[in-house]
Amino acid sequence: MDLITINKYLNDDLSKSMKSGNTLRISTVRMIKNSLNNAEIAKRGNGELTEEDVLSVLSTMVKQ
């Protein structure tokens, strides 16, 4: 699964959550999107995020 697919999934999930009014899910999806965006910015110049990078970001978030 590449970053574009993950972003599309997160955007779809965010819009569904906003329509349903699930505030916990909205904030969680936004935090995931922001963390992935920060990791992508940190990696600028070295290509886009790989699947390993995405999994690393997600596993770090789980530990928090």
PDB file of N, CA and C in Angstrom:
ATOM      1  N   MET A   1       0.854  -1.176   0.000  1.00  0.00           N
ATOM      2  CA  MET A   1       0.000   0.000   0.000  1.00  0.00           C
ATOM      3  C   MET A   1       0.895   1.232   0.000  1.00  0.00           C
ATOM      4  N   ASP A   2       0.741   2.103  -0.971  1.00  0.00           N
ATOM      5  CA  ASP A   2       1.591   3.286  -1.039  1.00  0.00           C
ATOM      6  C   ASP A   2       0.949   4.466  -0.319  1.00  0.00           C
ATOM      7  N   LEU A   3       1.718   5.532  -0.225  1.00  0.00           N
ATOM      8  CA  LEU A   3       1.285   6.699   0.548  1.00  0.00           C
ATOM      9  C   LEU A   3       0.025   7.334  -0.034  1.00  0.00           C
ATOM     10  N   ILE A   4      -0.107   7.341  -1.347  1.00  0.00           N
ATOM     11  CA  ILE A   4      -1.287   7.930  -1.977  1.00  0.00           C
ATOM     12  C   ILE A   4      -2.541   7.157  -1.584  1.00  0.00           C
ATOM     13  N   THR A   5      -2.451   5.844  -1.573  1.00  0.00           N
ATOM     14  CA  THR A   5      -3.594   5.018  -1.182  1.00  0.00           C
ATOM     15  C   THR A   5      -3.946   5.246   0.281  1.00  0.00           C
ATOM     16  N   ILE A   6      -2.935   5.344   1.128  1.00  0.00           N
ATOM     17  CA  ILE A   6      -3.177   5.576   2.552  1.00  0.00           C
ATOM     18  C   ILE A   6      -3.820   6.942   2.762  1.00  0.00           C
ATOM     19  N   ASN A   7      -3.317   7.967   2.073  1.00  0.00           N
ATOM     20  CA  ASN A   7      -3.903   9.302   2.203  1.00  0.00           C
ATOM     21  C   ASN A   7      -5.350   9.318   1.722  1.00  0.00           C
ATOM     22  N   LYS A   8      -5.645   8.614   0.617  1.00  0.00           N
ATOM     23  CA  LYS A   8      -7.016   8.552   0.118  1.00  0.00           C
ATOM     24  C   LYS A   8      -7.917   7.867   1.148  1.00  0.00           C
ATOM     25  N   TYR A   9      -7.442   6.769   1.719  1.00  0.00           N
ATOM     26  CA  TYR A   9      -8.213   6.066   2.738  1.00  0.00           C
ATOM     27  C   TYR A   9      -8.460   6.968   3.950  1.00  0.00           C
ATOM     28  N   LEU A  10      -7.424   7.685   4.394  1.00  0.00           N
ATOM     29  CA  LEU A  10      -7.571   8.566   5.551  1.00  0.00           C
ATOM     30  C   LEU A  10      -8.525   9.714   5.255  1.00  0.00           C
ATOM     31  N   ASN A  11      -8.462  10.282   4.047  1.00  0.00           N
ATOM     32  CA  ASN A  11      -9.379  11.363   3.676  1.00  0.00           C
ATOM     33  C   ASN A  11     -10.820  10.870   3.649  1.00  0.00           C
ATOM     34  N   ASP A  12     -11.042   9.686   3.096  1.00  0.00           N
ATOM     35  CA  ASP A  12     -12.394   9.118   3.073  1.00  0.00           C
ATOM     36  C   ASP A  12     -12.901   8.869   4.489  1.00  0.00           C
ATOM     37  N   ASP A  13     -12.031   8.314   5.322  1.00  0.00           N
ATOM     38  CA  ASP A  13     -12.408   8.024   6.700  1.00  0.00           C
ATOM     39  C   ASP A  13     -12.688   9.308   7.476  1.00  0.00           C
ATOM     40  N   LEU A  14     -11.898  10.347   7.208  1.00  0.00           N
ATOM     41  CA  LEU A  14     -12.109  11.630   7.879  1.00  0.00           C
ATOM     42  C   LEU A  14     -13.459  12.224   7.500  1.00  0.00           C
ATOM     43  N   SER A  15     -13.801  12.184   6.220  1.00  0.00           N
ATOM     44  CA  SER A  15     -15.084  12.758   5.803  1.00  0.00           C
ATOM     45  C   SER A  15     -16.264  11.966   6.371  1.00  0.00           C
ATOM     46  N   LYS A  16     -16.145  10.630   6.421  1.00  0.00           N
ATOM     47  CA  LYS A  16     -17.216   9.823   7.021  1.00  0.00           C
ATOM     48  C   LYS A  16     -17.358  10.133   8.505  1.00  0.00           C
ATOM     49  N   SER A  17     -16.239  10.304   9.186  1.00  0.00           N
ATOM     50  CA  SER A  17     -16.269  10.600  10.614  1.00  0.00           C
ATOM     51  C   SER A  17     -16.873  11.966  10.886  1.00  0.00           C
ATOM     52  N   MET A  18     -16.569  12.916  10.015  1.00  0.00           N
ATOM     53  CA  MET A  18     -17.125  14.263  10.188  1.00  0.00           C
ATOM     54  C   MET A  18     -18.642  14.245   9.982  1.00  0.00           C
ATOM     55  N   LYS A  19     -19.090  13.465   9.006  1.00  0.00           N
ATOM     56  CA  LYS A  19     -20.530  13.379   8.760  1.00  0.00           C
ATOM     57  C   LYS A  19     -21.260  12.718   9.919  1.00  0.00           C
ATOM     58  N   SER A  20     -20.610  11.715  10.533  1.00  0.00           N
ATOM     59  CA  SER A  20     -21.254  11.017  11.641  1.00  0.00           C
ATOM     60  C   SER A  20     -21.085  11.743  12.973  1.00  0.00           C
ATOM     61  N   GLY A  21     -20.139  12.691  13.032  1.00  0.00           N
ATOM     62  CA  GLY A  21     -19.932  13.463  14.248  1.00  0.00           C
ATOM     63  C   GLY A  21     -19.094  12.751  15.292  1.00  0.00           C
ATOM     64  N   ASN A  22     -18.305  11.775  14.889  1.00  0.00           N
ATOM     65  CA  ASN A  22     -17.454  11.008  15.791  1.00  0.00           C
ATOM     66  C   ASN A  22     -16.168  11.796  16.054  1.00  0.00           C
ATOM     67  N   THR A  23     -16.159  12.593  17.114  1.00  0.00           N
ATOM     68  CA  THR A  23     -15.045  13.505  17.366  1.00  0.00           C
ATOM     69  C   THR A  23     -13.744  12.784  17.715  1.00  0.00           C
ATOM     70  N   LEU A  24     -13.827  11.670  18.400  1.00  0.00           N
ATOM     71  CA  LEU A  24     -12.617  10.918  18.735  1.00  0.00           C
ATOM     72  C   LEU A  24     -11.937  10.399  17.472  1.00  0.00           C
ATOM     73  N   ARG A  25     -12.733   9.858  16.576  1.00  0.00           N
ATOM     74  CA  ARG A  25     -12.188   9.332  15.320  1.00  0.00           C
ATOM     75  C   ARG A  25     -11.634  10.462  14.453  1.00  0.00           C
ATOM     76  N   ILE A  26     -12.310  11.600  14.440  1.00  0.00           N
ATOM     77  CA  ILE A  26     -11.840  12.749  13.662  1.00  0.00           C
ATOM     78  C   ILE A  26     -10.458  13.181  14.145  1.00  0.00           C
ATOM     79  N   SER A  27     -10.286  13.323  15.449  1.00  0.00           N
ATOM     80  CA  SER A  27      -9.000  13.776  15.976  1.00  0.00           C
ATOM     81  C   SER A  27      -7.912  12.727  15.751  1.00  0.00           C
ATOM     82  N   THR A  28      -8.270  11.452  15.828  1.00  0.00           N
ATOM     83  CA  THR A  28      -7.288  10.387  15.599  1.00  0.00           C
ATOM     84  C   THR A  28      -6.807  10.385  14.153  1.00  0.00           C
ATOM     85  N   VAL A  29      -7.729  10.485  13.216  1.00  0.00           N
ATOM     86  CA  VAL A  29      -7.354  10.487  11.798  1.00  0.00           C
ATOM     87  C   VAL A  29      -6.523  11.724  11.477  1.00  0.00           C
ATOM     88  N   ARG A  30      -6.881  12.858  12.054  1.00  0.00           N
ATOM     89  CA  ARG A  30      -6.102  14.085  11.821  1.00  0.00           C
ATOM     90  C   ARG A  30      -4.680  13.952  12.366  1.00  0.00           C
ATOM     91  N   MET A  31      -4.539  13.317  13.541  1.00  0.00           N
ATOM     92  CA  MET A  31      -3.193  13.117  14.099  1.00  0.00           C
ATOM     93  C   MET A  31      -2.357  12.209  13.205  1.00  0.00           C
ATOM     94  N   ILE A  32      -2.971  11.165  12.672  1.00  0.00           N
ATOM     95  CA  ILE A  32      -2.251  10.260  11.771  1.00  0.00           C
ATOM     96  C   ILE A  32      -1.821  10.997  10.513  1.00  0.00           C
ATOM     97  N   LYS A  33      -2.735  11.760   9.927  1.00  0.00           N
ATOM     98  CA  LYS A  33      -2.405  12.512   8.716  1.00  0.00           C
ATOM     99  C   LYS A  33      -1.278  13.515   8.975  1.00  0.00           C
ATOM    100  N   ASN A  34      -1.322  14.198  10.117  1.00  0.00           N
ATOM    101  CA  ASN A  34      -0.278  15.170  10.441  1.00  0.00           C
ATOM    102  C   ASN A  34       1.073  14.490  10.665  1.00  0.00           C
ATOM    103  N   SER A  35       1.077  13.352  11.318  1.00  0.00           N
ATOM    104  CA  SER A  35       2.332  12.629  11.549  1.00  0.00           C
ATOM    105  C   SER A  35       2.938  12.146  10.246  1.00  0.00           C
ATOM    106  N   LEU A  36       2.111  11.634   9.348  1.00  0.00           N
ATOM    107  CA  LEU A  36       2.620  11.200   8.045  1.00  0.00           C
ATOM    108  C   LEU A  36       3.140  12.384   7.233  1.00  0.00           C
ATOM    109  N   ASN A  37       2.439  13.507   7.329  1.00  0.00           N
ATOM    110  CA  ASN A  37       2.878  14.706   6.619  1.00  0.00           C
ATOM    111  C   ASN A  37       4.216  15.203   7.172  1.00  0.00           C
ATOM    112  N   ASN A  38       4.370  15.193   8.490  1.00  0.00           N
ATOM    113  CA  ASN A  38       5.631  15.615   9.100  1.00  0.00           C
ATOM    114  C   ASN A  38       6.781  14.697   8.696  1.00  0.00           C
ATOM    115  N   ALA A  39       6.514  13.396   8.632  1.00  0.00           N
ATOM    116  CA  ALA A  39       7.548  12.443   8.216  1.00  0.00           C
ATOM    117  C   ALA A  39       7.926  12.661   6.755  1.00  0.00           C
ATOM    118  N   GLU A  40       6.944  12.982   5.939  1.00  0.00           N
ATOM    119  CA  GLU A  40       7.213  13.243   4.519  1.00  0.00           C
ATOM    120  C   GLU A  40       8.049  14.510   4.351  1.00  0.00           C
ATOM    121  N   ILE A  41       7.754  15.538   5.128  1.00  0.00           N
ATOM    122  CA  ILE A  41       8.525  16.783   5.078  1.00  0.00           C
ATOM    123  C   ILE A  41       9.959  16.540   5.542  1.00  0.00           C
ATOM    124  N   ALA A  42      10.111  15.735   6.590  1.00  0.00           N
ATOM    125  CA  ALA A  42      11.446  15.440   7.107  1.00  0.00           C
ATOM    126  C   ALA A  42      12.280  14.661   6.094  1.00  0.00           C
ATOM    127  N   LYS A  43      11.624  13.928   5.231  1.00  0.00           N
ATOM    128  CA  LYS A  43      12.338  13.100   4.259  1.00  0.00           C
ATOM    129  C   LYS A  43      12.516  13.804   2.915  1.00  0.00           C
ATOM    130  N   ARG A  44      12.144  15.048   2.774  1.00  0.00           N
ATOM    131  CA  ARG A  44      12.255  15.773   1.504  1.00  0.00           C
ATOM    132  C   ARG A  44      13.646  15.622   0.919  1.00  0.00           C
ATOM    133  N   GLY A  45      13.691  15.415  -0.363  1.00  0.00           N
ATOM    134  CA  GLY A  45      14.965  15.274  -1.042  1.00  0.00           C
ATOM    135  C   GLY A  45      15.459  13.848  -1.093  1.00  0.00           C
ATOM    136  N   ASN A  46      14.848  12.969  -0.316  1.00  0.00           N
ATOM    137  CA  ASN A  46      15.252  11.564  -0.291  1.00  0.00           C
ATOM    138  C   ASN A  46      14.149  10.669  -0.834  1.00  0.00           C
ATOM    139  N   GLY A  47      13.297  11.196  -1.699  1.00  0.00           N
ATOM    140  CA  GLY A  47      12.187  10.413  -2.236  1.00  0.00           C
ATOM    141  C   GLY A  47      10.969  10.503  -1.342  1.00  0.00           C
ATOM    142  N   GLU A  48       9.939   9.772  -1.729  1.00  0.00           N
ATOM    143  CA  GLU A  48       8.728   9.801  -0.914  1.00  0.00           C
ATOM    144  C   GLU A  48       8.784   8.695   0.135  1.00  0.00           C
ATOM    145  N   LEU A  49       7.828   8.713   1.041  1.00  0.00           N
ATOM    146  CA  LEU A  49       7.800   7.736   2.123  1.00  0.00           C
ATOM    147  C   LEU A  49       7.579   6.331   1.579  1.00  0.00           C
ATOM    148  N   THR A  50       8.325   5.404   2.100  1.00  0.00           N
ATOM    149  CA  THR A  50       8.136   4.003   1.741  1.00  0.00           C
ATOM    150  C   THR A  50       7.141   3.372   2.706  1.00  0.00           C
ATOM    151  N   GLU A  51       6.772   2.149   2.420  1.00  0.00           N
ATOM    152  CA  GLU A  51       5.849   1.447   3.306  1.00  0.00           C
ATOM    153  C   GLU A  51       6.471   1.259   4.686  1.00  0.00           C
ATOM    154  N   GLU A  52       7.781   1.037   4.722  1.00  0.00           N
ATOM    155  CA  GLU A  52       8.478   0.902   6.002  1.00  0.00           C
ATOM    156  C   GLU A  52       8.409   2.196   6.808  1.00  0.00           C
ATOM    157  N   ASP A  53       8.555   3.333   6.111  1.00  0.00           N
ATOM    158  CA  ASP A  53       8.471   4.627   6.791  1.00  0.00           C
ATOM    159  C   ASP A  53       7.084   4.844   7.387  1.00  0.00           C
ATOM    160  N   VAL A  54       6.057   4.499   6.618  1.00  0.00           N
ATOM    161  CA  VAL A  54       4.684   4.665   7.089  1.00  0.00           C
ATOM    162  C   VAL A  54       4.437   3.773   8.303  1.00  0.00           C
ATOM    163  N   LEU A  55       4.885   2.531   8.227  1.00  0.00           N
ATOM    164  CA  LEU A  55       4.711   1.619   9.363  1.00  0.00           C
ATOM    165  C   LEU A  55       5.479   2.100  10.589  1.00  0.00           C
ATOM    166  N   SER A  56       6.644   2.685  10.373  1.00  0.00           N
ATOM    167  CA  SER A  56       7.419   3.214  11.473  1.00  0.00           C
ATOM    168  C   SER A  56       6.678   4.363  12.163  1.00  0.00           C
ATOM    169  N   VAL A  57       6.116   5.247  11.369  1.00  0.00           N
ATOM    170  CA  VAL A  57       5.353   6.372  11.925  1.00  0.00           C
ATOM    171  C   VAL A  57       4.153   5.856  12.715  1.00  0.00           C
ATOM    172  N   LEU A  58       3.437   4.887  12.155  1.00  0.00           N
ATOM    173  CA  LEU A  58       2.248   4.348  12.812  1.00  0.00           C
ATOM    174  C   LEU A  58       2.608   3.605  14.097  1.00  0.00           C
ATOM    175  N   SER A  59       3.696   2.849  14.063  1.00  0.00           N
ATOM    176  CA  SER A  59       4.085   2.121  15.284  1.00  0.00           C
ATOM    177  C   SER A  59       4.530   3.084  16.370  1.00  0.00           C
ATOM    178  N   THR A  60       5.168   4.190  15.994  1.00  0.00           N
ATOM    179  CA  THR A  60       5.539   5.209  16.976  1.00  0.00           C
ATOM    180  C   THR A  60       4.292   5.824  17.595  1.00  0.00           C
ATOM    181  N   MET A  61       3.265   6.045  16.779  1.00  0.00           N
ATOM    182  CA  MET A  61       2.030   6.630  17.299  1.00  0.00           C
ATOM    183  C   MET A  61       1.314   5.656  18.238  1.00  0.00           C
ATOM    184  N   VAL A  62       1.378   4.374  17.959  1.00  0.00           N
ATOM    185  CA  VAL A  62       0.739   3.381  18.815  1.00  0.00           C
ATOM    186  C   VAL A  62       1.392   3.383  20.182  1.00  0.00           C
ATOM    187  N   LYS A  63       2.711   3.551  20.222  1.00  0.00           N
ATOM    188  CA  LYS A  63       3.433   3.559  21.497  1.00  0.00           C
ATOM    189  C   LYS A  63       3.091   4.761  22.348  1.00  0.00           C
ATOM    190  N   GLN A  64       2.650   5.847  21.721  1.00  0.00           N
ATOM    191  CA  GLN A  64       2.304   7.051  22.468  1.00  0.00           C
ATOM    192  C   GLN A  64       1.008   6.797  23.144  1.00  0.00           C
TER     193      GLN A  64
END
